[in-house]
Amino acid sequence: MTEENVGVQPLGSRVLLRILEEESVTPSGLVLPDTAKEKPQRGRVVAVGDDEEVIKVSVGDDVLYPRYSGTELKISGEDYLIIDATDLLATVKTAAVSVT
């Protein structure tokens, strides 16, 4: 049940997220260096565990998660996060939402 073939299948109530990077340009046009960026809090669900009772998100959903949670992975150069589904904060329905 994965969107991408990353070779990792979460167990139980965990979900695998591909971390989505925040914009590196401010609305006024300033380019932010990597050292000034906040830790990402937004990801896309790429795989879900087998605990259907607890998991309320689906593959392909964009979600918000707490800044310092889960276990970070690097798979084929991409950043991923395994997190418990109960730690997810919200689903994002529009691309205009930014996290501050």
PDB file of N, CA and C in Angstrom:
ATOM      1  N   MET A   1       0.832  -1.184   0.000  1.00  0.00           N
ATOM      2  CA  MET A   1       0.000   0.000   0.000  1.00  0.00           C
ATOM      3  C   MET A   1       0.877   1.249   0.000  1.00  0.00           C
ATOM      4  N   THR A   2       1.781   1.339  -0.970  1.00  0.00           N
ATOM      5  CA  THR A   2       2.676   2.491  -1.017  1.00  0.00           C
ATOM      6  C   THR A   2       2.502   3.264  -2.310  1.00  0.00           C
ATOM      7  N   GLU A   3       2.731   4.590  -2.207  1.00  0.00           N
ATOM      8  CA  GLU A   3       2.686   5.458  -3.371  1.00  0.00           C
ATOM      9  C   GLU A   3       3.992   5.336  -4.145  1.00  0.00           C
ATOM     10  N   GLU A   4       5.089   5.267  -3.404  1.00  0.00           N
ATOM     11  CA  GLU A   4       6.415   5.151  -3.974  1.00  0.00           C
ATOM     12  C   GLU A   4       6.994   3.816  -3.518  1.00  0.00           C
ATOM     13  N   ASN A   5       7.805   3.211  -4.339  1.00  0.00           N
ATOM     14  CA  ASN A   5       8.447   1.968  -3.942  1.00  0.00           C
ATOM     15  C   ASN A   5       9.734   2.304  -3.205  1.00  0.00           C
ATOM     16  N   VAL A   6       9.620   2.540  -1.884  1.00  0.00           N
ATOM     17  CA  VAL A   6      10.785   2.929  -1.088  1.00  0.00           C
ATOM     18  C   VAL A   6      11.374   1.748  -0.338  1.00  0.00           C
ATOM     19  N   GLY A   7      10.712   0.611  -0.335  1.00  0.00           N
ATOM     20  CA  GLY A   7      11.241  -0.569   0.322  1.00  0.00           C
ATOM     21  C   GLY A   7      11.068  -0.593   1.821  1.00  0.00           C
ATOM     22  N   VAL A   8      10.243   0.297   2.379  1.00  0.00           N
ATOM     23  CA  VAL A   8       9.996   0.335   3.816  1.00  0.00           C
ATOM     24  C   VAL A   8       8.496   0.265   4.040  1.00  0.00           C
ATOM     25  N   GLN A   9       8.058  -0.698   4.842  1.00  0.00           N
ATOM     26  CA  GLN A   9       6.639  -0.840   5.179  1.00  0.00           C
ATOM     27  C   GLN A   9       6.489  -0.643   6.687  1.00  0.00           C
ATOM     28  N   PRO A  10       5.831   0.440   7.114  1.00  0.00           N
ATOM     29  CA  PRO A  10       5.642   0.658   8.555  1.00  0.00           C
ATOM     30  C   PRO A  10       4.785  -0.444   9.172  1.00  0.00           C
ATOM     31  N   LEU A  11       4.998  -0.685  10.465  1.00  0.00           N
ATOM     32  CA  LEU A  11       4.230  -1.684  11.198  1.00  0.00           C
ATOM     33  C   LEU A  11       3.273  -1.007  12.163  1.00  0.00           C
ATOM     34  N   GLY A  12       2.187  -1.689  12.499  1.00  0.00           N
ATOM     35  CA  GLY A  12       1.240  -1.201  13.499  1.00  0.00           C
ATOM     36  C   GLY A  12       0.597   0.109  13.102  1.00  0.00           C
ATOM     37  N   SER A  13       0.644   1.077  14.018  1.00  0.00           N
ATOM     38  CA  SER A  13      -0.032   2.358  13.787  1.00  0.00           C
ATOM     39  C   SER A  13       0.922   3.430  13.267  1.00  0.00           C
ATOM     40  N   ARG A  14       2.011   3.034  12.644  1.00  0.00           N
ATOM     41  CA  ARG A  14       2.973   4.005  12.129  1.00  0.00           C
ATOM     42  C   ARG A  14       2.714   4.310  10.658  1.00  0.00           C
ATOM     43  N   VAL A  15       3.153   5.501  10.247  1.00  0.00           N
ATOM     44  CA  VAL A  15       3.063   5.887   8.843  1.00  0.00           C
ATOM     45  C   VAL A  15       4.444   6.359   8.381  1.00  0.00           C
ATOM     46  N   LEU A  16       4.718   6.196   7.103  1.00  0.00           N
ATOM     47  CA  LEU A  16       5.954   6.657   6.498  1.00  0.00           C
ATOM     48  C   LEU A  16       5.636   7.907   5.693  1.00  0.00           C
ATOM     49  N   LEU A  17       6.347   9.000   5.990  1.00  0.00           N
ATOM     50  CA  LEU A  17       6.138  10.279   5.313  1.00  0.00           C
ATOM     51  C   LEU A  17       7.361  10.648   4.499  1.00  0.00           C
ATOM     52  N   ARG A  18       7.144  11.199   3.307  1.00  0.00           N
ATOM     53  CA  ARG A  18       8.232  11.847   2.572  1.00  0.00           C
ATOM     54  C   ARG A  18       8.198  13.292   3.024  1.00  0.00           C
ATOM     55  N   ILE A  19       9.303  13.777   3.563  1.00  0.00           N
ATOM     56  CA  ILE A  19       9.348  15.127   4.112  1.00  0.00           C
ATOM     57  C   ILE A  19       9.299  16.132   2.971  1.00  0.00           C
ATOM     58  N   LEU A  20       8.367  17.089   3.078  1.00  0.00           N
ATOM     59  CA  LEU A  20       8.224  18.141   2.080  1.00  0.00           C
ATOM     60  C   LEU A  20       8.953  19.378   2.583  1.00  0.00           C
ATOM     61  N   GLU A  21       9.868  19.875   1.790  1.00  0.00           N
ATOM     62  CA  GLU A  21      10.638  21.059   2.173  1.00  0.00           C
ATOM     63  C   GLU A  21       9.776  22.306   2.053  1.00  0.00           C
ATOM     64  N   GLU A  22       9.982  23.225   2.976  1.00  0.00           N
ATOM     65  CA  GLU A  22       9.286  24.507   2.951  1.00  0.00           C
ATOM     66  C   GLU A  22       9.946  25.407   1.910  1.00  0.00           C
ATOM     67  N   GLU A  23       9.230  26.440   1.495  1.00  0.00           N
ATOM     68  CA  GLU A  23       9.759  27.393   0.528  1.00  0.00           C
ATOM     69  C   GLU A  23      11.030  28.045   1.063  1.00  0.00           C
ATOM     70  N   SER A  24      12.004  28.270   0.206  1.00  0.00           N
ATOM     71  CA  SER A  24      13.236  28.910   0.624  1.00  0.00           C
ATOM     72  C   SER A  24      13.273  30.383   0.230  1.00  0.00           C
ATOM     73  N   VAL A  25      12.146  30.896  -0.273  1.00  0.00           N
ATOM     74  CA  VAL A  25      12.040  32.306  -0.642  1.00  0.00           C
ATOM     75  C   VAL A  25      10.859  32.895   0.115  1.00  0.00           C
ATOM     76  N   THR A  26      11.090  34.034   0.776  1.00  0.00           N
ATOM     77  CA  THR A  26      10.017  34.695   1.513  1.00  0.00           C
ATOM     78  C   THR A  26       9.056  35.357   0.537  1.00  0.00           C
ATOM     79  N   PRO A  27       7.848  35.743   0.995  1.00  0.00           N
ATOM     80  CA  PRO A  27       6.909  36.427   0.101  1.00  0.00           C
ATOM     81  C   PRO A  27       7.474  37.717  -0.503  1.00  0.00           C
ATOM     82  N   SER A  28       8.423  38.345   0.188  1.00  0.00           N
ATOM     83  CA  SER A  28       9.012  39.586  -0.339  1.00  0.00           C
ATOM     84  C   SER A  28      10.177  39.311  -1.295  1.00  0.00           C
ATOM     85  N   GLY A  29      10.542  38.031  -1.504  1.00  0.00           N
ATOM     86  CA  GLY A  29      11.563  37.682  -2.467  1.00  0.00           C
ATOM     87  C   GLY A  29      12.934  37.383  -1.896  1.00  0.00           C
ATOM     88  N   LEU A  30      13.091  37.425  -0.567  1.00  0.00           N
ATOM     89  CA  LEU A  30      14.381  37.109   0.044  1.00  0.00           C
ATOM     90  C   LEU A  30      14.607  35.605   0.030  1.00  0.00           C
ATOM     91  N   VAL A  31      15.808  35.190  -0.347  1.00  0.00           N
ATOM     92  CA  VAL A  31      16.166  33.777  -0.369  1.00  0.00           C
ATOM     93  C   VAL A  31      16.747  33.420   0.996  1.00  0.00           C
ATOM     94  N   LEU A  32      16.176  32.397   1.636  1.00  0.00           N
ATOM     95  CA  LEU A  32      16.652  31.964   2.948  1.00  0.00           C
ATOM     96  C   LEU A  32      17.731  30.908   2.804  1.00  0.00           C
ATOM     97  N   PRO A  33      18.874  31.091   3.481  1.00  0.00           N
ATOM     98  CA  PRO A  33      19.889  30.038   3.454  1.00  0.00           C
ATOM     99  C   PRO A  33      19.429  28.860   4.294  1.00  0.00           C
ATOM    100  N   ASP A  34      20.029  27.688   4.084  1.00  0.00           N
ATOM    101  CA  ASP A  34      19.642  26.484   4.827  1.00  0.00           C
ATOM    102  C   ASP A  34      19.750  26.666   6.328  1.00  0.00           C
ATOM    103  N   THR A  35      20.709  27.466   6.791  1.00  0.00           N
ATOM    104  CA  THR A  35      20.888  27.668   8.227  1.00  0.00           C
ATOM    105  C   THR A  35      19.753  28.467   8.848  1.00  0.00           C
ATOM    106  N   ALA A  36      19.001  29.211   8.054  1.00  0.00           N
ATOM    107  CA  ALA A  36      17.908  30.031   8.584  1.00  0.00           C
ATOM    108  C   ALA A  36      16.554  29.331   8.478  1.00  0.00           C
ATOM    109  N   LYS A  37      16.515  28.183   7.813  1.00  0.00           N
ATOM    110  CA  LYS A  37      15.249  27.474   7.642  1.00  0.00           C
ATOM    111  C   LYS A  37      14.876  26.725   8.908  1.00  0.00           C
ATOM    112  N   GLU A  38      13.584  26.657   9.149  1.00  0.00           N
ATOM    113  CA  GLU A  38      13.063  25.855  10.255  1.00  0.00           C
ATOM    114  C   GLU A  38      13.048  24.385   9.843  1.00  0.00           C
ATOM    115  N   LYS A  39      13.056  23.510  10.819  1.00  0.00           N
ATOM    116  CA  LYS A  39      12.930  22.081  10.563  1.00  0.00           C
ATOM    117  C   LYS A  39      11.540  21.840   9.959  1.00  0.00           C
ATOM    118  N   PRO A  40      11.453  21.074   8.860  1.00  0.00           N
ATOM    119  CA  PRO A  40      10.148  20.861   8.208  1.00  0.00           C
ATOM    120  C   PRO A  40       9.131  20.219   9.143  1.00  0.00           C
ATOM    121  N   GLN A  41       7.858  20.524   8.924  1.00  0.00           N
ATOM    122  CA  GLN A  41       6.762  19.943   9.696  1.00  0.00           C
ATOM    123  C   GLN A  41       5.663  19.425   8.788  1.00  0.00           C
ATOM    124  N   ARG A  42       5.977  19.247   7.529  1.00  0.00           N
ATOM    125  CA  ARG A  42       4.969  18.840   6.569  1.00  0.00           C
ATOM    126  C   ARG A  42       5.500  17.661   5.765  1.00  0.00           C
ATOM    127  N   GLY A  43       4.635  16.682   5.523  1.00  0.00           N
ATOM    128  CA  GLY A  43       5.053  15.520   4.766  1.00  0.00           C
ATOM    129  C   GLY A  43       3.910  14.924   3.979  1.00  0.00           C
ATOM    130  N   ARG A  44       4.259  14.012   3.082  1.00  0.00           N
ATOM    131  CA  ARG A  44       3.260  13.296   2.285  1.00  0.00           C
ATOM    132  C   ARG A  44       3.322  11.832   2.676  1.00  0.00           C
ATOM    133  N   VAL A  45       2.173  11.252   2.973  1.00  0.00           N
ATOM    134  CA  VAL A  45       2.083   9.850   3.376  1.00  0.00           C
ATOM    135  C   VAL A  45       2.409   8.967   2.170  1.00  0.00           C
ATOM    136  N   VAL A  46       3.424   8.102   2.323  1.00  0.00           N
ATOM    137  CA  VAL A  46       3.796   7.194   1.232  1.00  0.00           C
ATOM    138  C   VAL A  46       3.513   5.738   1.583  1.00  0.00           C
ATOM    139  N   ALA A  47       3.323   5.433   2.873  1.00  0.00           N
ATOM    140  CA  ALA A  47       2.978   4.070   3.285  1.00  0.00           C
ATOM    141  C   ALA A  47       2.352   4.133   4.672  1.00  0.00           C
ATOM    142  N   VAL A  48       1.440   3.218   4.931  1.00  0.00           N
ATOM    143  CA  VAL A  48       0.772   3.159   6.236  1.00  0.00           C
ATOM    144  C   VAL A  48       0.903   1.757   6.810  1.00  0.00           C
ATOM    145  N   GLY A  49       0.880   1.674   8.137  1.00  0.00           N
ATOM    146  CA  GLY A  49       0.939   0.385   8.820  1.00  0.00           C
ATOM    147  C   GLY A  49      -0.369  -0.369   8.694  1.00  0.00           C
ATOM    148  N   ASP A  50      -0.482  -1.460   9.436  1.00  0.00           N
ATOM    149  CA  ASP A  50      -1.651  -2.330   9.301  1.00  0.00           C
ATOM    150  C   ASP A  50      -2.712  -2.116  10.376  1.00  0.00           C
ATOM    151  N   ASP A  51      -2.581  -1.100  11.223  1.00  0.00           N
ATOM    152  CA  ASP A  51      -3.568  -0.828  12.272  1.00  0.00           C
ATOM    153  C   ASP A  51      -4.613   0.156  11.751  1.00  0.00           C
ATOM    154  N   GLU A  52      -5.584  -0.365  11.005  1.00  0.00           N
ATOM    155  CA  GLU A  52      -6.590   0.471  10.354  1.00  0.00           C
ATOM    156  C   GLU A  52      -7.482   1.207  11.348  1.00  0.00           C
ATOM    157  N   GLU A  53      -7.580   0.716  12.570  1.00  0.00           N
ATOM    158  CA  GLU A  53      -8.417   1.345  13.588  1.00  0.00           C
ATOM    159  C   GLU A  53      -7.838   2.684  14.039  1.00  0.00           C
ATOM    160  N   VAL A  54      -6.516   2.797  14.075  1.00  0.00           N
ATOM    161  CA  VAL A  54      -5.845   4.005  14.567  1.00  0.00           C
ATOM    162  C   VAL A  54      -5.494   4.963  13.433  1.00  0.00           C
ATOM    163  N   ILE A  55      -5.109   4.445  12.282  1.00  0.00           N
ATOM    164  CA  ILE A  55      -4.630   5.274  11.179  1.00  0.00           C
ATOM    165  C   ILE A  55      -5.810   5.898  10.439  1.00  0.00           C
ATOM    166  N   LYS A  56      -5.835   7.233  10.427  1.00  0.00           N
ATOM    167  CA  LYS A  56      -6.930   7.973   9.799  1.00  0.00           C
ATOM    168  C   LYS A  56      -6.488   8.700   8.540  1.00  0.00           C
ATOM    169  N   VAL A  57      -5.281   8.425   8.048  1.00  0.00           N
ATOM    170  CA  VAL A  57      -4.778   9.058   6.833  1.00  0.00           C
ATOM    171  C   VAL A  57      -4.567   7.995   5.768  1.00  0.00           C
ATOM    172  N   SER A  58      -4.470   8.445   4.521  1.00  0.00           N
ATOM    173  CA  SER A  58      -4.278   7.532   3.394  1.00  0.00           C
ATOM    174  C   SER A  58      -3.011   7.901   2.647  1.00  0.00           C
ATOM    175  N   VAL A  59      -2.513   6.972   1.864  1.00  0.00           N
ATOM    176  CA  VAL A  59      -1.362   7.226   1.010  1.00  0.00           C
ATOM    177  C   VAL A  59      -1.702   8.395   0.092  1.00  0.00           C
ATOM    178  N   GLY A  60      -0.777   9.351   0.013  1.00  0.00           N
ATOM    179  CA  GLY A  60      -0.973  10.535  -0.825  1.00  0.00           C
ATOM    180  C   GLY A  60      -1.426  11.766  -0.057  1.00  0.00           C
ATOM    181  N   ASP A  61      -1.902  11.608   1.185  1.00  0.00           N
ATOM    182  CA  ASP A  61      -2.332  12.758   1.997  1.00  0.00           C
ATOM    183  C   ASP A  61      -1.121  13.581   2.414  1.00  0.00           C
ATOM    184  N   ASP A  62      -1.281  14.910   2.389  1.00  0.00           N
ATOM    185  CA  ASP A  62      -0.285  15.805   2.975  1.00  0.00           C
ATOM    186  C   ASP A  62      -0.690  16.041   4.420  1.00  0.00           C
ATOM    187  N   VAL A  63       0.286  15.957   5.333  1.00  0.00           N
ATOM    188  CA  VAL A  63      -0.009  16.065   6.759  1.00  0.00           C
ATOM    189  C   VAL A  63       0.985  16.999   7.450  1.00  0.00           C
ATOM    190  N   LEU A  64       0.574  17.485   8.618  1.00  0.00           N
ATOM    191  CA  LEU A  64       1.453  18.250   9.501  1.00  0.00           C
ATOM    192  C   LEU A  64       1.807  17.366  10.679  1.00  0.00           C
ATOM    193  N   TYR A  65       3.053  17.488  11.148  1.00  0.00           N
ATOM    194  CA  TYR A  65       3.499  16.697  12.292  1.00  0.00           C
ATOM    195  C   TYR A  65       4.336  17.585  13.209  1.00  0.00           C
ATOM    196  N   PRO A  66       4.487  17.210  14.481  1.00  0.00           N
ATOM    197  CA  PRO A  66       5.296  18.007  15.409  1.00  0.00           C
ATOM    198  C   PRO A  66       6.745  18.100  14.928  1.00  0.00           C
ATOM    199  N   ARG A  67       7.373  19.213  15.213  1.00  0.00           N
ATOM    200  CA  ARG A  67       8.706  19.525  14.701  1.00  0.00           C
ATOM    201  C   ARG A  67       9.760  18.461  15.037  1.00  0.00           C
ATOM    202  N   TYR A  68       9.796  17.974  16.252  1.00  0.00           N
ATOM    203  CA  TYR A  68      10.839  17.023  16.648  1.00  0.00           C
ATOM    204  C   TYR A  68      10.204  15.691  17.042  1.00  0.00           C
ATOM    205  N   SER A  69       9.723  14.960  16.054  1.00  0.00           N
ATOM    206  CA  SER A  69       9.082  13.674  16.340  1.00  0.00           C
ATOM    207  C   SER A  69       9.437  12.674  15.256  1.00  0.00           C
ATOM    208  N   GLY A  70       9.208  11.421  15.554  1.00  0.00           N
ATOM    209  CA  GLY A  70       9.449  10.364  14.589  1.00  0.00           C
ATOM    210  C   GLY A  70      10.915  10.022  14.422  1.00  0.00           C
ATOM    211  N   THR A  71      11.170   9.123  13.488  1.00  0.00           N
ATOM    212  CA  THR A  71      12.524   8.663  13.171  1.00  0.00           C
ATOM    213  C   THR A  71      12.822   9.020  11.724  1.00  0.00           C
ATOM    214  N   GLU A  72      13.872   9.794  11.526  1.00  0.00           N
ATOM    215  CA  GLU A  72      14.225  10.227  10.178  1.00  0.00           C
ATOM    216  C   GLU A  72      15.026   9.151   9.454  1.00  0.00           C
ATOM    217  N   LEU A  73      14.745   9.002   8.163  1.00  0.00           N
ATOM    218  CA  LEU A  73      15.449   8.051   7.295  1.00  0.00           C
ATOM    219  C   LEU A  73      15.863   8.762   6.017  1.00  0.00           C
ATOM    220  N   LYS A  74      16.920   8.298   5.401  1.00  0.00           N
ATOM    221  CA  LYS A  74      17.296   8.786   4.076  1.00  0.00           C
ATOM    222  C   LYS A  74      17.290   7.570   3.164  1.00  0.00           C
ATOM    223  N   ILE A  75      16.416   7.605   2.163  1.00  0.00           N
ATOM    224  CA  ILE A  75      16.268   6.490   1.227  1.00  0.00           C
ATOM    225  C   ILE A  75      16.468   7.035  -0.175  1.00  0.00           C
ATOM    226  N   SER A  76      17.463   6.535  -0.876  1.00  0.00           N
ATOM    227  CA  SER A  76      17.787   6.974  -2.239  1.00  0.00           C
ATOM    228  C   SER A  76      17.916   8.491  -2.318  1.00  0.00           C
ATOM    229  N   GLY A  77      18.525   9.093  -1.310  1.00  0.00           N
ATOM    230  CA  GLY A  77      18.751  10.534  -1.316  1.00  0.00           C
ATOM    231  C   GLY A  77      17.576  11.386  -0.874  1.00  0.00           C
ATOM    232  N   GLU A  78      16.418  10.782  -0.624  1.00  0.00           N
ATOM    233  CA  GLU A  78      15.219  11.512  -0.182  1.00  0.00           C
ATOM    234  C   GLU A  78      15.075  11.373   1.329  1.00  0.00           C
ATOM    235  N   ASP A  79      14.532  12.416   1.966  1.00  0.00           N
ATOM    236  CA  ASP A  79      14.301  12.390   3.409  1.00  0.00           C
ATOM    237  C   ASP A  79      12.901  11.870   3.720  1.00  0.00           C
ATOM    238  N   TYR A  80      12.835  10.899   4.634  1.00  0.00           N
ATOM    239  CA  TYR A  80      11.580  10.298   5.059  1.00  0.00           C
ATOM    240  C   TYR A  80      11.507  10.319   6.577  1.00  0.00           C
ATOM    241  N   LEU A  81      10.299  10.115   7.089  1.00  0.00           N
ATOM    242  CA  LEU A  81      10.070  10.092   8.526  1.00  0.00           C
ATOM    243  C   LEU A  81       9.069   8.994   8.831  1.00  0.00           C
ATOM    244  N   ILE A  82       9.394   8.140   9.803  1.00  0.00           N
ATOM    245  CA  ILE A  82       8.423   7.176  10.310  1.00  0.00           C
ATOM    246  C   ILE A  82       7.891   7.758  11.614  1.00  0.00           C
ATOM    247  N   ILE A  83       6.577   7.869  11.707  1.00  0.00           N
ATOM    248  CA  ILE A  83       5.950   8.506  12.851  1.00  0.00           C
ATOM    249  C   ILE A  83       4.692   7.739  13.228  1.00  0.00           C
ATOM    250  N   ASP A  84       4.360   7.748  14.499  1.00  0.00           N
ATOM    251  CA  ASP A  84       3.128   7.114  14.947  1.00  0.00           C
ATOM    252  C   ASP A  84       1.947   7.937  14.440  1.00  0.00           C
ATOM    253  N   ALA A  85       0.936   7.284  13.934  1.00  0.00           N
ATOM    254  CA  ALA A  85      -0.220   7.985  13.365  1.00  0.00           C
ATOM    255  C   ALA A  85      -0.908   8.884  14.385  1.00  0.00           C
ATOM    256  N   THR A  86      -0.835   8.530  15.663  1.00  0.00           N
ATOM    257  CA  THR A  86      -1.484   9.359  16.687  1.00  0.00           C
ATOM    258  C   THR A  86      -0.732  10.661  16.925  1.00  0.00           C
ATOM    259  N   ASP A  87       0.527  10.765  16.455  1.00  0.00           N
ATOM    260  CA  ASP A  87       1.299  12.002  16.601  1.00  0.00           C
ATOM    261  C   ASP A  87       1.020  13.006  15.496  1.00  0.00           C
ATOM    262  N   LEU A  88       0.351  12.593  14.425  1.00  0.00           N
ATOM    263  CA  LEU A  88       0.044  13.526  13.343  1.00  0.00           C
ATOM    264  C   LEU A  88      -0.905  14.606  13.841  1.00  0.00           C
ATOM    265  N   LEU A  89      -0.694  15.843  13.378  1.00  0.00           N
ATOM    266  CA  LEU A  89      -1.485  16.978  13.849  1.00  0.00           C
ATOM    267  C   LEU A  89      -2.693  17.267  12.975  1.00  0.00           C
ATOM    268  N   ALA A  90      -2.540  17.181  11.649  1.00  0.00           N
ATOM    269  CA  ALA A  90      -3.633  17.552  10.747  1.00  0.00           C
ATOM    270  C   ALA A  90      -3.315  17.097   9.335  1.00  0.00           C
ATOM    271  N   THR A  91      -4.344  17.017   8.517  1.00  0.00           N
ATOM    272  CA  THR A  91      -4.135  16.838   7.083  1.00  0.00           C
ATOM    273  C   THR A  91      -4.223  18.218   6.447  1.00  0.00           C
ATOM    274  N   VAL A  92      -3.511  18.408   5.347  1.00  0.00           N
ATOM    275  CA  VAL A  92      -3.474  19.692   4.657  1.00  0.00           C
ATOM    276  C   VAL A  92      -4.243  19.543   3.357  1.00  0.00           C
ATOM    277  N   LYS A  93      -5.258  20.376   3.186  1.00  0.00           N
ATOM    278  CA  LYS A  93      -6.108  20.280   1.998  1.00  0.00           C
ATOM    279  C   LYS A  93      -5.704  21.247   0.892  1.00  0.00           C
ATOM    280  N   THR A  94      -4.874  22.243   1.210  1.00  0.00           N
ATOM    281  CA  THR A  94      -4.487  23.232   0.221  1.00  0.00           C
ATOM    282  C   THR A  94      -2.995  23.486   0.271  1.00  0.00           C
ATOM    283  N   ALA A  95      -2.403  23.820  -0.855  1.00  0.00           N
ATOM    284  CA  ALA A  95      -0.964  24.076  -0.905  1.00  0.00           C
ATOM    285  C   ALA A  95      -0.608  25.440  -0.327  1.00  0.00           C
ATOM    286  N   ALA A  96      -1.597  26.290  -0.037  1.00  0.00           N
ATOM    287  CA  ALA A  96      -1.339  27.638   0.448  1.00  0.00           C
ATOM    288  C   ALA A  96      -1.010  27.682   1.936  1.00  0.00           C
ATOM    289  N   VAL A  97      -1.107  26.562   2.644  1.00  0.00           N
ATOM    290  CA  VAL A  97      -0.839  26.534   4.070  1.00  0.00           C
ATOM    291  C   VAL A  97       0.654  26.512   4.309  1.00  0.00           C
ATOM    292  N   SER A  98       1.140  27.420   5.153  1.00  0.00           N
ATOM    293  CA  SER A  98       2.554  27.395   5.526  1.00  0.00           C
ATOM    294  C   SER A  98       2.658  27.262   7.025  1.00  0.00           C
ATOM    295  N   VAL A  99       3.688  26.596   7.480  1.00  0.00           N
ATOM    296  CA  VAL A  99       3.881  26.342   8.904  1.00  0.00           C
ATOM    297  C   VAL A  99       4.928  27.307   9.425  1.00  0.00           C
ATOM    298  N   THR A 100       4.610  27.984  10.520  1.00  0.00           N
ATOM    299  CA  THR A 100       5.592  28.908  11.108  1.00  0.00           C
ATOM    300  C   THR A 100       5.895  28.528  12.528  1.00  0.00           C
TER     301      THR A 100
END
